[in-house]
N, C-alpha and C. Protein backbone atom coordinates (compact mmCIF):
# COMPACT_ATOMS: atom_id res chain seq x y z
N UNK A 1 0.27 1.75 18.83
CA UNK A 1 -0.64 1.63 17.71
C UNK A 1 0.15 1.48 16.42
N UNK A 2 -0.42 0.70 15.51
CA UNK A 2 0.13 0.57 14.17
C UNK A 2 -0.89 1.14 13.21
N UNK A 3 -0.43 2.02 12.35
CA UNK A 3 -1.29 2.65 11.34
C UNK A 3 -0.93 2.01 10.00
N UNK A 4 -1.93 1.42 9.36
CA UNK A 4 -1.71 0.72 8.10
C UNK A 4 -2.34 1.52 6.96
N UNK A 5 -1.56 1.75 5.91
CA UNK A 5 -2.04 2.46 4.73
C UNK A 5 -2.17 1.46 3.57
N UNK A 6 -3.38 1.36 3.05
CA UNK A 6 -3.67 0.47 1.92
C UNK A 6 -4.13 1.31 0.74
N UNK A 7 -3.99 0.76 -0.45
CA UNK A 7 -4.45 1.44 -1.65
C UNK A 7 -3.66 0.98 -2.85
N UNK A 8 -4.12 1.42 -3.99
CA UNK A 8 -3.49 1.02 -5.24
C UNK A 8 -2.14 1.72 -5.41
N UNK A 9 -1.28 1.14 -6.25
CA UNK A 9 0.00 1.80 -6.50
C UNK A 9 -0.26 3.20 -7.04
N UNK A 10 0.52 4.14 -6.54
CA UNK A 10 0.33 5.53 -6.94
C UNK A 10 -0.64 6.30 -6.08
N UNK A 11 -1.24 5.63 -5.10
CA UNK A 11 -2.22 6.32 -4.24
C UNK A 11 -1.54 7.18 -3.17
N UNK A 12 -0.24 7.02 -3.00
CA UNK A 12 0.50 7.86 -2.06
C UNK A 12 0.84 7.19 -0.74
N UNK A 13 0.73 5.89 -0.66
CA UNK A 13 0.95 5.18 0.61
C UNK A 13 2.32 5.49 1.22
N UNK A 14 3.36 5.40 0.42
CA UNK A 14 4.71 5.62 0.95
C UNK A 14 4.96 7.09 1.27
N UNK A 15 4.58 7.97 0.38
CA UNK A 15 4.79 9.41 0.59
C UNK A 15 4.02 9.89 1.82
N UNK A 16 2.77 9.53 1.89
CA UNK A 16 1.93 9.94 3.03
C UNK A 16 2.41 9.24 4.30
N UNK A 17 2.78 7.97 4.17
CA UNK A 17 3.26 7.22 5.33
C UNK A 17 4.49 7.84 5.97
N UNK A 18 5.44 8.26 5.14
CA UNK A 18 6.66 8.89 5.68
C UNK A 18 6.33 10.18 6.42
N UNK A 19 5.49 11.00 5.80
CA UNK A 19 5.11 12.27 6.42
C UNK A 19 4.33 12.05 7.72
N UNK A 20 3.40 11.11 7.70
CA UNK A 20 2.60 10.80 8.88
C UNK A 20 3.49 10.29 10.02
N UNK A 21 4.42 9.42 9.69
CA UNK A 21 5.33 8.87 10.70
C UNK A 21 6.18 9.98 11.32
N UNK A 22 6.63 10.91 10.51
CA UNK A 22 7.42 12.03 11.03
C UNK A 22 6.60 12.87 12.00
N UNK A 23 5.38 13.20 11.62
CA UNK A 23 4.52 14.04 12.46
C UNK A 23 4.18 13.34 13.78
N UNK A 24 3.91 12.04 13.71
CA UNK A 24 3.50 11.29 14.92
C UNK A 24 4.69 10.78 15.72
N UNK A 25 5.90 10.90 15.18
CA UNK A 25 7.10 10.34 15.78
C UNK A 25 6.99 8.81 15.88
N UNK A 26 6.52 8.20 14.80
CA UNK A 26 6.43 6.75 14.65
C UNK A 26 7.53 6.30 13.70
N UNK A 27 7.82 5.01 13.71
CA UNK A 27 8.69 4.44 12.69
C UNK A 27 7.87 4.27 11.42
N UNK A 28 8.53 4.35 10.27
CA UNK A 28 7.86 4.10 9.00
C UNK A 28 8.41 2.83 8.40
N UNK A 29 7.51 1.95 7.93
CA UNK A 29 7.91 0.71 7.26
C UNK A 29 7.11 0.59 5.97
N UNK A 30 7.82 0.46 4.85
CA UNK A 30 7.21 0.13 3.58
C UNK A 30 7.35 -1.39 3.46
N UNK A 31 6.24 -2.12 3.43
CA UNK A 31 6.29 -3.58 3.46
C UNK A 31 7.08 -4.16 2.30
N UNK A 32 6.94 -3.60 1.10
CA UNK A 32 7.71 -4.10 -0.04
C UNK A 32 9.21 -3.92 0.17
N UNK A 33 9.61 -2.75 0.67
CA UNK A 33 11.04 -2.51 0.94
C UNK A 33 11.55 -3.42 2.05
N UNK A 34 10.72 -3.60 3.08
CA UNK A 34 11.07 -4.47 4.21
C UNK A 34 11.30 -5.90 3.72
N UNK A 35 10.38 -6.40 2.90
CA UNK A 35 10.49 -7.75 2.37
C UNK A 35 11.72 -7.90 1.50
N UNK A 36 11.96 -6.94 0.63
CA UNK A 36 13.13 -7.00 -0.26
C UNK A 36 14.42 -7.01 0.56
N UNK A 37 14.45 -6.20 1.61
CA UNK A 37 15.65 -6.15 2.46
C UNK A 37 15.85 -7.48 3.18
N UNK A 38 14.79 -8.04 3.75
CA UNK A 38 14.89 -9.32 4.48
C UNK A 38 15.28 -10.46 3.55
N UNK A 39 14.77 -10.44 2.33
CA UNK A 39 15.06 -11.49 1.36
C UNK A 39 16.36 -11.22 0.60
N UNK A 40 16.91 -10.03 0.80
CA UNK A 40 18.18 -9.64 0.18
C UNK A 40 18.13 -9.68 -1.36
N UNK A 41 16.96 -9.28 -1.90
CA UNK A 41 16.83 -9.15 -3.36
C UNK A 41 15.61 -8.31 -3.68
N UNK A 42 15.65 -7.59 -4.80
CA UNK A 42 14.51 -6.76 -5.18
C UNK A 42 13.26 -7.61 -5.48
N UNK A 43 12.10 -7.00 -5.31
CA UNK A 43 10.83 -7.69 -5.51
C UNK A 43 10.74 -8.35 -6.90
N UNK A 44 11.08 -7.65 -7.99
CA UNK A 44 10.98 -8.32 -9.30
C UNK A 44 11.84 -9.58 -9.38
N UNK A 45 13.00 -9.54 -8.74
CA UNK A 45 13.89 -10.71 -8.75
C UNK A 45 13.28 -11.86 -7.93
N UNK A 46 12.63 -11.53 -6.82
CA UNK A 46 11.95 -12.56 -6.02
C UNK A 46 10.88 -13.24 -6.88
N UNK A 47 10.08 -12.44 -7.58
CA UNK A 47 9.04 -12.99 -8.46
C UNK A 47 9.67 -13.89 -9.53
N UNK A 48 10.75 -13.41 -10.16
CA UNK A 48 11.38 -14.16 -11.24
C UNK A 48 12.05 -15.44 -10.77
N UNK A 49 12.74 -15.38 -9.63
CA UNK A 49 13.50 -16.54 -9.16
C UNK A 49 12.70 -17.51 -8.33
N UNK A 50 11.77 -16.98 -7.51
CA UNK A 50 11.09 -17.84 -6.55
C UNK A 50 9.58 -17.93 -6.77
N UNK A 51 9.04 -17.01 -7.58
CA UNK A 51 7.63 -17.07 -7.92
C UNK A 51 6.73 -16.25 -7.00
N UNK A 52 5.52 -16.00 -7.49
CA UNK A 52 4.58 -15.17 -6.74
C UNK A 52 4.10 -15.86 -5.46
N UNK A 53 3.92 -17.17 -5.49
CA UNK A 53 3.44 -17.87 -4.29
C UNK A 53 4.44 -17.70 -3.14
N UNK A 54 5.72 -17.86 -3.44
CA UNK A 54 6.76 -17.64 -2.43
C UNK A 54 6.67 -16.21 -1.90
N UNK A 55 6.58 -15.24 -2.83
CA UNK A 55 6.50 -13.83 -2.44
C UNK A 55 5.31 -13.59 -1.51
N UNK A 56 4.14 -14.09 -1.88
CA UNK A 56 2.93 -13.85 -1.09
C UNK A 56 3.02 -14.50 0.29
N UNK A 57 3.63 -15.68 0.38
CA UNK A 57 3.83 -16.32 1.70
C UNK A 57 4.75 -15.47 2.57
N UNK A 58 5.83 -14.99 1.99
CA UNK A 58 6.77 -14.15 2.74
C UNK A 58 6.12 -12.82 3.13
N UNK A 59 5.33 -12.27 2.24
CA UNK A 59 4.62 -11.02 2.51
C UNK A 59 3.74 -11.18 3.75
N UNK A 60 2.98 -12.27 3.82
CA UNK A 60 2.12 -12.54 4.97
C UNK A 60 2.95 -12.77 6.23
N UNK A 61 4.03 -13.50 6.11
CA UNK A 61 4.91 -13.78 7.25
C UNK A 61 5.46 -12.47 7.84
N UNK A 62 5.96 -11.60 6.98
CA UNK A 62 6.52 -10.34 7.46
C UNK A 62 5.43 -9.40 7.99
N UNK A 63 4.27 -9.42 7.37
CA UNK A 63 3.14 -8.62 7.86
C UNK A 63 2.77 -9.06 9.28
N UNK A 64 2.66 -10.35 9.50
CA UNK A 64 2.34 -10.87 10.84
C UNK A 64 3.38 -10.42 11.86
N UNK A 65 4.64 -10.49 11.48
CA UNK A 65 5.71 -10.09 12.39
C UNK A 65 5.63 -8.61 12.75
N UNK A 66 5.38 -7.78 11.76
CA UNK A 66 5.27 -6.33 12.02
C UNK A 66 4.07 -6.04 12.90
N UNK A 67 2.93 -6.65 12.59
CA UNK A 67 1.72 -6.41 13.39
C UNK A 67 1.88 -6.89 14.82
N UNK A 68 2.61 -7.96 15.03
CA UNK A 68 2.79 -8.49 16.38
C UNK A 68 3.79 -7.67 17.20
N UNK A 69 4.54 -6.79 16.55
CA UNK A 69 5.55 -6.01 17.27
C UNK A 69 4.93 -5.02 18.24
N UNK A 70 3.73 -4.55 17.93
CA UNK A 70 2.98 -3.62 18.79
C UNK A 70 3.72 -2.33 19.07
N UNK A 71 4.67 -1.96 18.22
CA UNK A 71 5.35 -0.69 18.42
C UNK A 71 4.70 0.36 17.52
N UNK A 72 5.05 1.59 17.70
CA UNK A 72 4.47 2.70 16.94
C UNK A 72 5.03 2.71 15.53
N UNK A 73 4.21 2.23 14.60
CA UNK A 73 4.65 2.09 13.21
C UNK A 73 3.56 2.63 12.29
N UNK A 74 4.00 3.32 11.24
CA UNK A 74 3.13 3.58 10.09
C UNK A 74 3.60 2.60 9.02
N UNK A 75 2.71 1.72 8.60
CA UNK A 75 3.04 0.65 7.67
C UNK A 75 2.35 0.89 6.33
N UNK A 76 3.14 1.02 5.29
CA UNK A 76 2.63 1.15 3.93
C UNK A 76 2.63 -0.24 3.31
N UNK A 77 1.45 -0.73 2.95
CA UNK A 77 1.34 -2.05 2.33
C UNK A 77 1.67 -1.98 0.85
N UNK A 78 2.01 -3.13 0.27
CA UNK A 78 2.07 -3.23 -1.17
C UNK A 78 0.64 -3.16 -1.70
N UNK A 79 0.47 -2.74 -2.93
CA UNK A 79 -0.86 -2.59 -3.50
C UNK A 79 -1.68 -3.87 -3.46
N UNK A 80 -1.03 -5.02 -3.57
CA UNK A 80 -1.75 -6.30 -3.57
C UNK A 80 -1.85 -6.96 -2.21
N UNK A 81 -1.12 -6.48 -1.23
CA UNK A 81 -1.08 -7.14 0.08
C UNK A 81 -2.46 -7.45 0.67
N UNK A 82 -3.40 -6.49 0.69
CA UNK A 82 -4.69 -6.79 1.32
C UNK A 82 -5.50 -7.87 0.60
N UNK A 83 -5.14 -8.18 -0.62
CA UNK A 83 -5.95 -9.05 -1.48
C UNK A 83 -5.55 -10.52 -1.42
N UNK A 84 -4.52 -10.85 -0.68
CA UNK A 84 -4.01 -12.22 -0.68
C UNK A 84 -4.07 -12.82 0.71
N UNK A 85 -4.28 -14.14 0.72
CA UNK A 85 -4.31 -14.88 1.97
C UNK A 85 -5.31 -14.29 2.94
N UNK A 86 -4.91 -14.23 4.16
CA UNK A 86 -5.75 -13.73 5.24
C UNK A 86 -5.30 -12.33 5.68
N UNK A 87 -4.55 -11.65 4.82
CA UNK A 87 -3.89 -10.41 5.22
C UNK A 87 -4.84 -9.33 5.72
N UNK A 88 -5.93 -9.11 5.03
CA UNK A 88 -6.85 -8.04 5.45
C UNK A 88 -7.50 -8.39 6.78
N UNK A 89 -7.80 -9.66 7.01
CA UNK A 89 -8.36 -10.06 8.30
C UNK A 89 -7.35 -9.84 9.42
N UNK A 90 -6.08 -10.13 9.17
CA UNK A 90 -5.04 -9.88 10.17
C UNK A 90 -5.04 -8.41 10.58
N UNK A 91 -5.21 -7.55 9.59
CA UNK A 91 -5.15 -6.10 9.82
C UNK A 91 -6.39 -5.61 10.57
N UNK A 92 -7.57 -5.95 10.08
CA UNK A 92 -8.79 -5.37 10.66
C UNK A 92 -9.20 -6.02 11.97
N UNK A 93 -8.69 -7.21 12.26
CA UNK A 93 -9.05 -7.88 13.51
C UNK A 93 -8.06 -7.61 14.65
N UNK A 94 -7.04 -6.83 14.38
CA UNK A 94 -6.04 -6.48 15.40
C UNK A 94 -6.44 -5.15 16.03
N UNK A 95 -6.76 -5.16 17.32
CA UNK A 95 -7.24 -3.95 17.99
C UNK A 95 -6.20 -2.84 18.07
N UNK A 96 -4.94 -3.17 17.91
CA UNK A 96 -3.89 -2.14 17.98
C UNK A 96 -3.61 -1.52 16.62
N UNK A 97 -4.40 -1.90 15.60
CA UNK A 97 -4.19 -1.40 14.24
C UNK A 97 -5.35 -0.51 13.81
N UNK A 98 -5.00 0.61 13.20
CA UNK A 98 -5.97 1.46 12.52
C UNK A 98 -5.57 1.47 11.05
N UNK A 99 -6.51 1.11 10.18
CA UNK A 99 -6.19 1.00 8.77
C UNK A 99 -6.92 2.07 7.96
N UNK A 100 -6.24 2.54 6.92
CA UNK A 100 -6.75 3.61 6.06
C UNK A 100 -6.59 3.19 4.61
N UNK A 101 -7.67 3.32 3.87
CA UNK A 101 -7.65 3.10 2.42
C UNK A 101 -7.49 4.47 1.77
N UNK A 102 -6.38 4.67 1.09
CA UNK A 102 -6.15 5.91 0.35
C UNK A 102 -6.81 5.74 -1.02
N UNK A 103 -8.02 6.23 -1.11
CA UNK A 103 -8.86 6.02 -2.28
C UNK A 103 -8.57 7.09 -3.34
N UNK A 104 -8.14 6.63 -4.49
CA UNK A 104 -7.72 7.53 -5.57
C UNK A 104 -8.42 7.10 -6.85
N UNK A 105 -8.91 8.06 -7.61
CA UNK A 105 -9.65 7.75 -8.83
C UNK A 105 -8.72 7.25 -9.94
N UNK A 106 -9.31 6.59 -10.92
CA UNK A 106 -8.54 6.08 -12.05
C UNK A 106 -7.84 7.21 -12.80
N UNK A 107 -8.53 8.32 -13.14
CA UNK A 107 -7.81 9.40 -13.84
C UNK A 107 -6.63 9.96 -13.03
N UNK A 108 -6.80 10.08 -11.72
CA UNK A 108 -5.72 10.58 -10.87
C UNK A 108 -4.56 9.59 -10.85
N UNK A 109 -4.87 8.29 -10.72
CA UNK A 109 -3.82 7.27 -10.74
C UNK A 109 -3.07 7.29 -12.07
N UNK A 110 -3.80 7.44 -13.15
CA UNK A 110 -3.17 7.52 -14.46
C UNK A 110 -2.19 8.70 -14.52
N UNK A 111 -2.62 9.85 -14.03
CA UNK A 111 -1.75 11.04 -14.03
C UNK A 111 -0.50 10.83 -13.19
N UNK A 112 -0.63 10.12 -12.09
CA UNK A 112 0.52 9.88 -11.22
C UNK A 112 1.44 8.79 -11.75
N UNK A 113 0.85 7.73 -12.33
CA UNK A 113 1.64 6.56 -12.72
C UNK A 113 2.29 6.67 -14.10
N UNK A 114 1.62 7.32 -15.04
CA UNK A 114 2.14 7.37 -16.40
C UNK A 114 3.57 7.92 -16.47
N UNK A 115 3.87 9.06 -15.81
CA UNK A 115 5.23 9.60 -15.91
C UNK A 115 6.30 8.73 -15.26
N UNK A 116 5.91 7.85 -14.36
CA UNK A 116 6.91 7.03 -13.66
C UNK A 116 6.73 5.54 -13.92
N UNK A 117 6.05 5.20 -14.99
CA UNK A 117 5.74 3.79 -15.27
C UNK A 117 7.00 2.94 -15.43
N UNK A 118 8.08 3.53 -15.90
CA UNK A 118 9.32 2.78 -16.08
C UNK A 118 9.90 2.29 -14.75
N UNK A 119 9.47 2.88 -13.63
CA UNK A 119 9.95 2.48 -12.30
C UNK A 119 9.10 1.37 -11.69
N UNK A 120 8.01 1.03 -12.35
CA UNK A 120 7.05 0.06 -11.78
C UNK A 120 6.92 -1.14 -12.71
N UNK A 121 7.48 -2.28 -12.29
CA UNK A 121 7.52 -3.46 -13.16
C UNK A 121 6.16 -3.91 -13.71
N UNK A 122 5.11 -3.77 -12.92
CA UNK A 122 3.79 -4.22 -13.37
C UNK A 122 3.29 -3.45 -14.59
N UNK A 123 3.71 -2.21 -14.74
CA UNK A 123 3.16 -1.37 -15.81
C UNK A 123 4.22 -0.83 -16.77
N UNK A 124 5.48 -1.17 -16.56
CA UNK A 124 6.56 -0.58 -17.36
C UNK A 124 6.44 -0.89 -18.85
N UNK A 125 5.81 -1.98 -19.19
CA UNK A 125 5.69 -2.40 -20.59
C UNK A 125 4.53 -1.73 -21.33
N UNK A 126 3.69 -1.01 -20.62
CA UNK A 126 2.50 -0.44 -21.25
C UNK A 126 2.88 0.76 -22.12
N UNK A 127 2.34 0.78 -23.34
CA UNK A 127 2.76 1.80 -24.30
C UNK A 127 1.67 2.81 -24.63
N UNK A 128 0.53 2.74 -23.93
CA UNK A 128 -0.50 3.75 -24.17
C UNK A 128 -1.25 4.05 -22.88
N UNK A 129 -1.71 5.27 -22.78
CA UNK A 129 -2.50 5.66 -21.61
C UNK A 129 -3.81 4.87 -21.54
N UNK A 130 -4.35 4.52 -22.70
CA UNK A 130 -5.60 3.76 -22.74
C UNK A 130 -5.40 2.38 -22.13
N UNK A 131 -4.29 1.74 -22.48
CA UNK A 131 -3.97 0.42 -21.94
C UNK A 131 -3.78 0.50 -20.42
N UNK A 132 -3.06 1.50 -19.96
CA UNK A 132 -2.83 1.67 -18.53
C UNK A 132 -4.14 1.96 -17.81
N UNK A 133 -4.99 2.78 -18.38
CA UNK A 133 -6.29 3.09 -17.78
C UNK A 133 -7.11 1.82 -17.60
N UNK A 134 -7.13 0.99 -18.62
CA UNK A 134 -7.87 -0.28 -18.55
C UNK A 134 -7.29 -1.19 -17.47
N UNK A 135 -5.97 -1.25 -17.41
CA UNK A 135 -5.27 -2.08 -16.42
C UNK A 135 -5.62 -1.63 -15.00
N UNK A 136 -5.53 -0.33 -14.75
CA UNK A 136 -5.85 0.22 -13.43
C UNK A 136 -7.31 -0.06 -13.08
N UNK A 137 -8.21 0.17 -14.02
CA UNK A 137 -9.63 -0.05 -13.78
C UNK A 137 -9.93 -1.48 -13.40
N UNK A 138 -9.33 -2.43 -14.11
CA UNK A 138 -9.52 -3.85 -13.81
C UNK A 138 -9.01 -4.18 -12.41
N UNK A 139 -7.81 -3.73 -12.10
CA UNK A 139 -7.24 -3.99 -10.77
C UNK A 139 -8.07 -3.37 -9.66
N UNK A 140 -8.47 -2.12 -9.84
CA UNK A 140 -9.27 -1.46 -8.81
C UNK A 140 -10.60 -2.18 -8.60
N UNK A 141 -11.20 -2.65 -9.67
CA UNK A 141 -12.45 -3.40 -9.56
C UNK A 141 -12.22 -4.65 -8.69
N UNK A 142 -11.12 -5.36 -8.93
CA UNK A 142 -10.81 -6.58 -8.18
C UNK A 142 -10.41 -6.29 -6.73
N UNK A 143 -9.69 -5.20 -6.52
CA UNK A 143 -9.08 -4.95 -5.21
C UNK A 143 -9.89 -4.06 -4.28
N UNK A 144 -10.79 -3.26 -4.81
CA UNK A 144 -11.47 -2.27 -3.96
C UNK A 144 -12.28 -2.92 -2.84
N UNK A 145 -12.79 -4.12 -3.04
CA UNK A 145 -13.53 -4.81 -1.98
C UNK A 145 -12.61 -5.09 -0.77
N UNK A 146 -11.35 -5.37 -1.04
CA UNK A 146 -10.39 -5.61 0.05
C UNK A 146 -10.00 -4.29 0.70
N UNK A 147 -9.63 -3.31 -0.12
CA UNK A 147 -9.22 -2.01 0.40
C UNK A 147 -10.32 -1.38 1.26
N UNK A 148 -11.56 -1.54 0.83
CA UNK A 148 -12.70 -0.90 1.50
C UNK A 148 -12.99 -1.48 2.88
N UNK A 149 -12.37 -2.58 3.21
CA UNK A 149 -12.54 -3.15 4.55
C UNK A 149 -11.70 -2.41 5.60
N UNK A 150 -10.89 -1.48 5.15
CA UNK A 150 -10.09 -0.68 6.09
C UNK A 150 -11.01 0.07 7.04
N UNK A 151 -10.48 0.45 8.20
CA UNK A 151 -11.26 1.21 9.18
C UNK A 151 -11.77 2.52 8.61
N UNK A 152 -10.95 3.17 7.79
CA UNK A 152 -11.30 4.49 7.25
C UNK A 152 -10.94 4.56 5.78
N UNK A 153 -11.67 5.40 5.06
CA UNK A 153 -11.34 5.70 3.66
C UNK A 153 -11.04 7.19 3.55
N UNK A 154 -9.95 7.49 2.89
CA UNK A 154 -9.55 8.88 2.68
C UNK A 154 -9.47 9.12 1.17
N UNK A 155 -10.29 10.03 0.66
CA UNK A 155 -10.24 10.38 -0.76
C UNK A 155 -9.03 11.29 -0.98
N UNK A 156 -8.17 10.91 -1.90
CA UNK A 156 -6.91 11.64 -2.08
C UNK A 156 -6.92 12.60 -3.26
N UNK A 157 -7.92 12.51 -4.13
CA UNK A 157 -7.92 13.33 -5.35
C UNK A 157 -7.85 14.82 -5.02
N UNK A 158 -6.92 15.50 -5.68
CA UNK A 158 -6.82 16.94 -5.56
C UNK A 158 -6.37 17.44 -4.20
N UNK A 159 -5.85 16.56 -3.37
CA UNK A 159 -5.40 16.97 -2.04
C UNK A 159 -3.88 16.88 -1.94
N UNK A 160 -3.33 17.75 -1.13
CA UNK A 160 -1.89 17.70 -0.89
C UNK A 160 -1.58 16.61 0.13
N UNK A 161 -0.32 16.24 0.21
CA UNK A 161 0.12 15.26 1.21
C UNK A 161 -0.25 15.76 2.60
N UNK A 162 -0.01 17.04 2.87
CA UNK A 162 -0.32 17.60 4.20
C UNK A 162 -1.80 17.50 4.53
N UNK A 163 -2.65 17.76 3.55
CA UNK A 163 -4.10 17.69 3.78
C UNK A 163 -4.54 16.26 4.09
N UNK A 164 -3.96 15.29 3.39
CA UNK A 164 -4.31 13.89 3.62
C UNK A 164 -3.81 13.45 5.00
N UNK A 165 -2.58 13.81 5.33
CA UNK A 165 -2.02 13.47 6.64
C UNK A 165 -2.88 14.07 7.75
N UNK A 166 -3.31 15.30 7.57
CA UNK A 166 -4.16 15.97 8.56
C UNK A 166 -5.47 15.20 8.76
N UNK A 167 -6.06 14.72 7.68
CA UNK A 167 -7.30 13.94 7.80
C UNK A 167 -7.08 12.65 8.58
N UNK A 168 -5.95 12.01 8.34
CA UNK A 168 -5.64 10.76 9.04
C UNK A 168 -5.45 11.04 10.53
N UNK A 169 -4.68 12.07 10.84
CA UNK A 169 -4.44 12.42 12.24
C UNK A 169 -5.75 12.73 12.94
N UNK A 170 -6.64 13.47 12.27
CA UNK A 170 -7.94 13.82 12.82
C UNK A 170 -8.74 12.56 13.17
N UNK A 171 -8.66 11.54 12.34
CA UNK A 171 -9.40 10.30 12.58
C UNK A 171 -8.80 9.49 13.75
N UNK A 172 -7.55 9.74 14.06
CA UNK A 172 -6.88 9.01 15.13
C UNK A 172 -7.19 9.55 16.52
N UNK A 173 -7.65 10.79 16.59
CA UNK A 173 -7.91 11.40 17.91
C UNK A 173 -9.32 11.20 18.38
């Protein structure tokens, strides 16, 4: 089985994915890290040198490869992955995949992202919490229709990593 974690940046996909993989004795793959490693350059550099269309094509290519492997993997998607091409259909139409939307509110995302915005190229330039709140709200409005197609939705607000992992495991049995 492959367990796919979808959600907005800051929703906890990588943190929860690592913990879940450890508990289940699965491999953990962060799709953005995987793509950067295969392309031998960081994501921002791929965008700058080769463009978003190239990045999105490679993202879909690597997603297909991981899904076809049929090994025990917890896969953390990039925040935009479900929203491009046929990616969400690939995920939800594969019987060996269980997908989870880590649903996080705008205020919670703001609290998580603001202190680390310098580490995230999409938001590093934002100079006010109001601007970031508006940005997150717009993105969530556009992306939630894709995220919501996941097999399960897990509300993450006010929950620990362990509590969220426990909910996911419970849904798998």
